[in-house]
């Protein structure tokens, strides 16, 4: 089943691609690699949540926000490529989690993005990954995720 068909089956309507919040491109392609800039959980240009994991953001909530980051990234990919069916595989995901002292569940948070990619792309969605804790993220959001895709012609 194609990635676009899986999206429909999952009931996911991609939002408009988020505009960059600074002087960078949302996506850059070089050869078959498509780099998608870090995405934060926004809707309509506004952060869905502010806070830190382990302080005022629950683990399940943070994983849901990482999923939103992945949805926003897919909107950028579709805008750049015209169709998610041109994604050959997800190569890497880098997740950043704004964390209170002692919070150690970074991988569980980023699983929210990883699971969406597996749901949409199947085994081609299985990727290398890093999940790290940071003191602060842009706009005070609890999670930011960046992506690397391999693209077919």
Protein backbone atom coordinates (compact mmCIF):
# COMPACT_ATOMS: atom_id res chain seq x y z
CA UNK A 1 0.00 0.00 0.00
CA UNK A 2 1.31 3.47 -0.85
CA UNK A 3 2.16 6.03 1.81
CA UNK A 4 -0.61 8.32 0.57
CA UNK A 5 -3.11 5.44 0.83
CA UNK A 6 -1.89 4.62 4.35
CA UNK A 7 -2.43 8.24 5.39
CA UNK A 8 -6.03 8.01 4.18
CA UNK A 9 -6.48 4.65 5.92
CA UNK A 10 -5.16 6.17 9.16
CA UNK A 11 -7.54 9.12 8.79
CA UNK A 12 -4.72 11.65 8.74
CA UNK A 13 -5.26 14.86 6.80
CA UNK A 14 -1.95 16.65 6.52
CA UNK A 15 -2.10 20.33 7.46
CA UNK A 16 -0.59 23.05 5.30
CA UNK A 17 3.19 22.91 5.59
CA UNK A 18 4.34 25.08 8.49
CA UNK A 19 6.22 28.23 7.55
CA UNK A 20 9.80 28.51 8.80
CA UNK A 21 10.22 30.45 12.03
CA UNK A 22 13.58 31.88 10.98
CA UNK A 23 16.07 32.28 8.17
CA UNK A 24 16.18 28.69 6.97
CA UNK A 25 14.49 26.40 4.48
CA UNK A 26 11.93 23.89 5.77
CA UNK A 27 13.50 21.25 3.50
CA UNK A 28 16.68 20.90 1.48
CA UNK A 29 17.26 18.15 -1.05
CA UNK A 30 20.68 17.07 -2.22
CA UNK A 31 20.67 14.11 -4.56
CA UNK A 32 18.34 11.46 -3.15
CA UNK A 33 18.43 12.88 0.39
CA UNK A 34 15.76 15.23 1.72
CA UNK A 35 16.58 16.98 4.99
CA UNK A 36 13.59 18.39 6.86
CA UNK A 37 14.36 21.10 9.40
CA UNK A 38 13.40 20.58 13.02
CA UNK A 39 9.66 20.65 13.53
CA UNK A 40 7.92 21.73 16.71
CA UNK A 41 4.34 20.84 17.62
CA UNK A 42 2.36 23.68 16.07
CA UNK A 43 -1.05 24.10 14.52
CA UNK A 44 -1.80 27.14 12.44
CA UNK A 45 1.59 28.60 13.33
CA UNK A 46 0.99 28.43 17.08
CA UNK A 47 2.61 26.09 19.60
CA UNK A 48 0.19 23.44 20.86
CA UNK A 49 1.93 23.22 24.24
CA UNK A 50 4.70 24.80 26.22
CA UNK A 51 6.60 23.24 29.08
CA UNK A 52 9.07 20.55 30.01
CA UNK A 53 8.77 16.82 30.22
CA UNK A 54 8.99 15.63 33.78
CA UNK A 55 7.77 18.99 35.06
CA UNK A 56 4.41 19.98 33.59
CA UNK A 57 4.14 17.84 30.43
CA UNK A 58 3.11 14.20 30.81
CA UNK A 59 4.95 11.45 28.94
CA UNK A 60 1.96 10.39 26.79
CA UNK A 61 1.21 14.02 25.97
CA UNK A 62 4.82 14.61 24.89
CA UNK A 63 4.75 11.51 22.65
CA UNK A 64 1.57 12.88 21.04
CA UNK A 65 3.34 16.18 20.43
CA UNK A 66 6.26 14.34 18.78
CA UNK A 67 3.65 12.72 16.50
CA UNK A 68 2.42 16.20 15.55
CA UNK A 69 6.03 17.12 14.68
CA UNK A 70 6.14 14.15 12.31
CA UNK A 71 2.80 15.09 10.75
CA UNK A 72 4.09 18.62 10.14
CA UNK A 73 7.27 17.17 8.59
CA UNK A 74 5.20 14.98 6.25
CA UNK A 75 3.29 18.07 5.15
CA UNK A 76 6.62 19.66 4.23
CA UNK A 77 7.75 16.51 2.41
CA UNK A 78 4.52 16.33 0.41
CA UNK A 79 4.84 20.02 -0.46
CA UNK A 80 8.42 19.53 -1.61
CA UNK A 81 7.97 16.26 -3.50
CA UNK A 82 4.32 16.44 -4.54
CA UNK A 83 3.57 13.04 -2.98
CA UNK A 84 4.73 10.98 -0.02
CA UNK A 85 4.90 8.05 -2.43
CA UNK A 86 8.26 9.43 -3.58
CA UNK A 87 9.79 8.64 -0.18
CA UNK A 88 11.93 5.52 -0.58
CA UNK A 89 12.71 5.30 3.13
CA UNK A 90 13.09 7.24 6.33
CA UNK A 91 16.81 7.37 7.05
CA UNK A 92 17.11 9.19 10.37
CA UNK A 93 15.12 10.99 13.06
CA UNK A 94 16.67 13.33 15.61
CA UNK A 95 14.51 14.20 18.57
CA UNK A 96 15.08 16.88 21.18
CA UNK A 97 13.09 16.87 24.41
CA UNK A 98 12.91 19.84 26.79
CA UNK A 99 13.44 18.07 30.08
CA UNK A 100 13.22 18.78 33.77
CA UNK A 101 16.06 17.52 35.95
CA UNK A 102 15.91 13.76 36.27
CA UNK A 103 13.70 13.13 33.22
CA UNK A 104 15.10 10.12 31.32
CA UNK A 105 12.27 8.96 29.03
CA UNK A 106 13.45 10.80 25.90
CA UNK A 107 13.21 7.69 23.69
CA UNK A 108 9.58 7.14 24.73
CA UNK A 109 8.71 10.72 23.78
CA UNK A 110 10.31 10.44 20.33
CA UNK A 111 8.55 7.11 19.80
CA UNK A 112 5.50 9.26 19.01
CA UNK A 113 7.20 10.44 15.80
CA UNK A 114 8.81 7.08 15.05
CA UNK A 115 5.53 5.18 15.34
CA UNK A 116 3.80 7.52 12.91
CA UNK A 117 6.57 7.00 10.35
CA UNK A 118 6.26 3.23 10.70
CA UNK A 119 2.48 3.46 10.37
CA UNK A 120 2.73 5.52 7.17
CA UNK A 121 5.77 3.95 5.46
CA UNK A 122 5.80 0.42 6.90
CA UNK A 123 9.29 -1.08 7.12
CA UNK A 124 10.63 1.77 4.94
CA UNK A 125 9.77 3.97 7.92
CA UNK A 126 12.21 2.17 10.24
CA UNK A 127 15.10 4.57 10.81
CA UNK A 128 18.24 5.37 12.75
CA UNK A 129 17.52 7.75 15.61
CA UNK A 130 18.76 9.89 18.44
CA UNK A 131 16.63 11.18 21.31
CA UNK A 132 18.26 13.67 23.65
CA UNK A 133 17.25 15.97 26.46
CA UNK A 134 17.82 19.70 26.30
CA UNK A 135 17.26 22.62 28.67
CA UNK A 136 15.01 24.67 26.36
CA UNK A 137 13.48 24.56 22.89
CA UNK A 138 12.12 27.29 20.59
CA UNK A 139 8.92 28.94 21.81
CA UNK A 140 9.10 26.93 25.03
CA UNK A 141 7.75 23.75 23.38
CA UNK A 142 8.55 20.37 24.94
CA UNK A 143 9.73 18.58 21.79
CA UNK A 144 11.39 19.23 18.41
CA UNK A 145 12.11 16.60 15.77
CA UNK A 146 14.15 16.74 12.54
CA UNK A 147 14.08 14.19 9.73
CA UNK A 148 16.14 12.73 6.90
CA UNK A 149 14.41 10.92 4.01
CA UNK A 150 15.72 9.05 0.99
CA UNK A 151 13.76 10.05 -2.10
CA UNK A 152 13.06 8.08 -5.26
CA UNK A 153 12.68 9.77 -8.63
